[in-house]
Amino acid sequence: MYMDYLYYYRRRKCCKAKQNNAKMPQGERGTRQIRKRQTRKRKYVLGKSSWNHII
């Protein structure tokens, strides 16, 4: 149960982040921030795949 809960929580977090990105206008945020967020997303996707293997 604990593992499932953790996985669900992480997925929800990712969805929230995506929504926030969509809400923000492009003019306000700089190119550096966008690059950072893209790398973070990639890391998260890698983690997700490994979690799936474990479960």
N, C-alpha and C. Protein backbone atom coordinates (compact mmCIF):
# COMPACT_ATOMS: atom_id res chain seq x y z
N MET A 1 0.83 -1.21 0.00
CA MET A 1 0.00 0.00 0.00
C MET A 1 0.86 1.26 0.00
N TYR A 2 1.88 1.25 0.84
CA TYR A 2 2.71 2.46 0.97
C TYR A 2 3.33 2.83 -0.37
N MET A 3 3.83 1.83 -1.09
CA MET A 3 4.47 2.09 -2.39
C MET A 3 3.45 2.71 -3.35
N ASP A 4 2.27 2.13 -3.40
CA ASP A 4 1.23 2.63 -4.30
C ASP A 4 0.92 4.10 -3.98
N TYR A 5 0.81 4.40 -2.68
CA TYR A 5 0.50 5.76 -2.26
C TYR A 5 1.59 6.73 -2.72
N LEU A 6 2.84 6.32 -2.52
CA LEU A 6 3.98 7.16 -2.92
C LEU A 6 3.91 7.43 -4.42
N TYR A 7 3.70 6.37 -5.20
CA TYR A 7 3.64 6.49 -6.65
C TYR A 7 2.52 7.45 -7.06
N TYR A 8 1.36 7.29 -6.45
CA TYR A 8 0.22 8.16 -6.76
C TYR A 8 0.54 9.61 -6.43
N TYR A 9 1.15 9.81 -5.27
CA TYR A 9 1.48 11.18 -4.84
C TYR A 9 2.44 11.83 -5.83
N ARG A 10 3.45 11.09 -6.28
CA ARG A 10 4.42 11.64 -7.22
C ARG A 10 3.73 12.00 -8.54
N ARG A 11 2.83 11.10 -8.99
CA ARG A 11 2.11 11.36 -10.25
C ARG A 11 1.28 12.64 -10.13
N ARG A 12 0.60 12.80 -8.99
CA ARG A 12 -0.24 13.98 -8.77
C ARG A 12 0.62 15.24 -8.80
N LYS A 13 1.80 15.15 -8.17
CA LYS A 13 2.72 16.28 -8.12
C LYS A 13 3.10 16.71 -9.54
N CYS A 14 3.41 15.72 -10.38
CA CYS A 14 3.82 16.01 -11.75
C CYS A 14 2.68 16.71 -12.49
N CYS A 15 1.48 16.20 -12.34
CA CYS A 15 0.32 16.80 -13.02
C CYS A 15 0.15 18.25 -12.58
N LYS A 16 0.31 18.50 -11.28
CA LYS A 16 0.17 19.86 -10.76
C LYS A 16 1.18 20.78 -11.42
N ALA A 17 2.42 20.30 -11.50
CA ALA A 17 3.50 21.12 -12.09
C ALA A 17 3.15 21.46 -13.54
N LYS A 18 2.65 20.48 -14.27
CA LYS A 18 2.29 20.71 -15.67
C LYS A 18 1.22 21.81 -15.77
N GLN A 19 0.21 21.73 -14.89
CA GLN A 19 -0.87 22.73 -14.90
C GLN A 19 -0.29 24.12 -14.65
N ASN A 20 0.61 24.23 -13.66
CA ASN A 20 1.21 25.53 -13.35
C ASN A 20 1.96 26.09 -14.56
N ASN A 21 2.69 25.22 -15.24
CA ASN A 21 3.43 25.66 -16.43
C ASN A 21 2.46 26.23 -17.47
N ALA A 22 1.34 25.55 -17.65
CA ALA A 22 0.36 25.97 -18.66
C ALA A 22 -0.23 27.34 -18.28
N LYS A 23 -0.48 27.54 -16.98
CA LYS A 23 -1.10 28.78 -16.53
C LYS A 23 -0.19 29.98 -16.75
N MET A 24 1.11 29.81 -16.52
CA MET A 24 2.04 30.94 -16.60
C MET A 24 2.18 31.45 -18.04
N PRO A 25 2.11 32.76 -18.26
CA PRO A 25 2.34 33.30 -19.60
C PRO A 25 3.82 33.17 -19.99
N GLN A 26 4.08 32.97 -21.28
CA GLN A 26 5.46 32.72 -21.72
C GLN A 26 6.35 33.94 -21.52
N GLY A 27 5.79 35.14 -21.66
CA GLY A 27 6.60 36.35 -21.55
C GLY A 27 7.23 36.52 -20.17
N GLU A 28 6.55 36.06 -19.12
CA GLU A 28 7.02 36.31 -17.75
C GLU A 28 8.25 35.48 -17.41
N ARG A 29 8.24 34.21 -17.79
CA ARG A 29 9.36 33.34 -17.37
C ARG A 29 10.50 33.39 -18.39
N GLY A 30 11.74 33.29 -17.90
CA GLY A 30 12.91 33.37 -18.77
C GLY A 30 13.25 32.05 -19.43
N THR A 31 14.18 32.08 -20.40
CA THR A 31 14.55 30.86 -21.11
C THR A 31 15.25 29.88 -20.15
N ARG A 32 16.01 30.41 -19.20
CA ARG A 32 16.72 29.53 -18.25
C ARG A 32 15.74 28.66 -17.48
N GLN A 33 14.66 29.26 -16.98
CA GLN A 33 13.67 28.50 -16.21
C GLN A 33 13.08 27.36 -17.05
N ILE A 34 12.75 27.67 -18.30
CA ILE A 34 12.15 26.66 -19.18
C ILE A 34 13.11 25.48 -19.33
N ARG A 35 14.40 25.77 -19.57
CA ARG A 35 15.39 24.71 -19.74
C ARG A 35 15.45 23.84 -18.49
N LYS A 36 15.50 24.48 -17.32
CA LYS A 36 15.58 23.73 -16.07
C LYS A 36 14.39 22.79 -15.93
N ARG A 37 13.19 23.33 -16.22
CA ARG A 37 11.98 22.53 -16.05
C ARG A 37 12.00 21.32 -16.98
N GLN A 38 12.49 21.51 -18.21
CA GLN A 38 12.55 20.38 -19.16
C GLN A 38 13.45 19.27 -18.62
N THR A 39 14.61 19.65 -18.06
CA THR A 39 15.52 18.63 -17.54
C THR A 39 14.87 17.92 -16.36
N ARG A 40 14.18 18.67 -15.51
CA ARG A 40 13.51 18.05 -14.37
C ARG A 40 12.48 17.03 -14.84
N LYS A 41 11.73 17.39 -15.85
CA LYS A 41 10.71 16.47 -16.37
C LYS A 41 11.36 15.17 -16.82
N ARG A 42 12.48 15.29 -17.56
CA ARG A 42 13.16 14.08 -18.05
C ARG A 42 13.56 13.19 -16.88
N LYS A 43 14.15 13.80 -15.84
CA LYS A 43 14.57 13.02 -14.66
C LYS A 43 13.37 12.29 -14.08
N TYR A 44 12.25 13.02 -13.95
CA TYR A 44 11.05 12.44 -13.34
C TYR A 44 10.55 11.25 -14.16
N VAL A 45 10.58 11.38 -15.49
CA VAL A 45 10.12 10.29 -16.36
C VAL A 45 11.00 9.05 -16.13
N LEU A 46 12.32 9.26 -16.03
CA LEU A 46 13.23 8.13 -15.80
C LEU A 46 12.87 7.46 -14.47
N GLY A 47 12.67 8.26 -13.42
CA GLY A 47 12.32 7.72 -12.11
C GLY A 47 11.03 6.92 -12.18
N LYS A 48 10.08 7.46 -12.92
CA LYS A 48 8.77 6.81 -13.02
C LYS A 48 8.92 5.40 -13.61
N SER A 49 9.71 5.28 -14.68
CA SER A 49 9.86 3.98 -15.33
C SER A 49 10.48 2.98 -14.35
N SER A 50 11.49 3.43 -13.58
CA SER A 50 12.13 2.54 -12.62
C SER A 50 11.13 2.11 -11.54
N TRP A 51 10.30 3.06 -11.08
CA TRP A 51 9.29 2.73 -10.07
C TRP A 51 8.34 1.66 -10.62
N ASN A 52 7.95 1.79 -11.87
CA ASN A 52 7.04 0.81 -12.46
C ASN A 52 7.67 -0.59 -12.42
N HIS A 53 8.96 -0.65 -12.71
CA HIS A 53 9.63 -1.95 -12.68
C HIS A 53 9.57 -2.56 -11.29
N ILE A 54 9.79 -1.71 -10.26
CA ILE A 54 9.81 -2.21 -8.88
C ILE A 54 8.43 -2.74 -8.49
N ILE A 55 7.38 -2.01 -8.84
CA ILE A 55 6.03 -2.37 -8.38
C ILE A 55 5.46 -3.56 -9.11
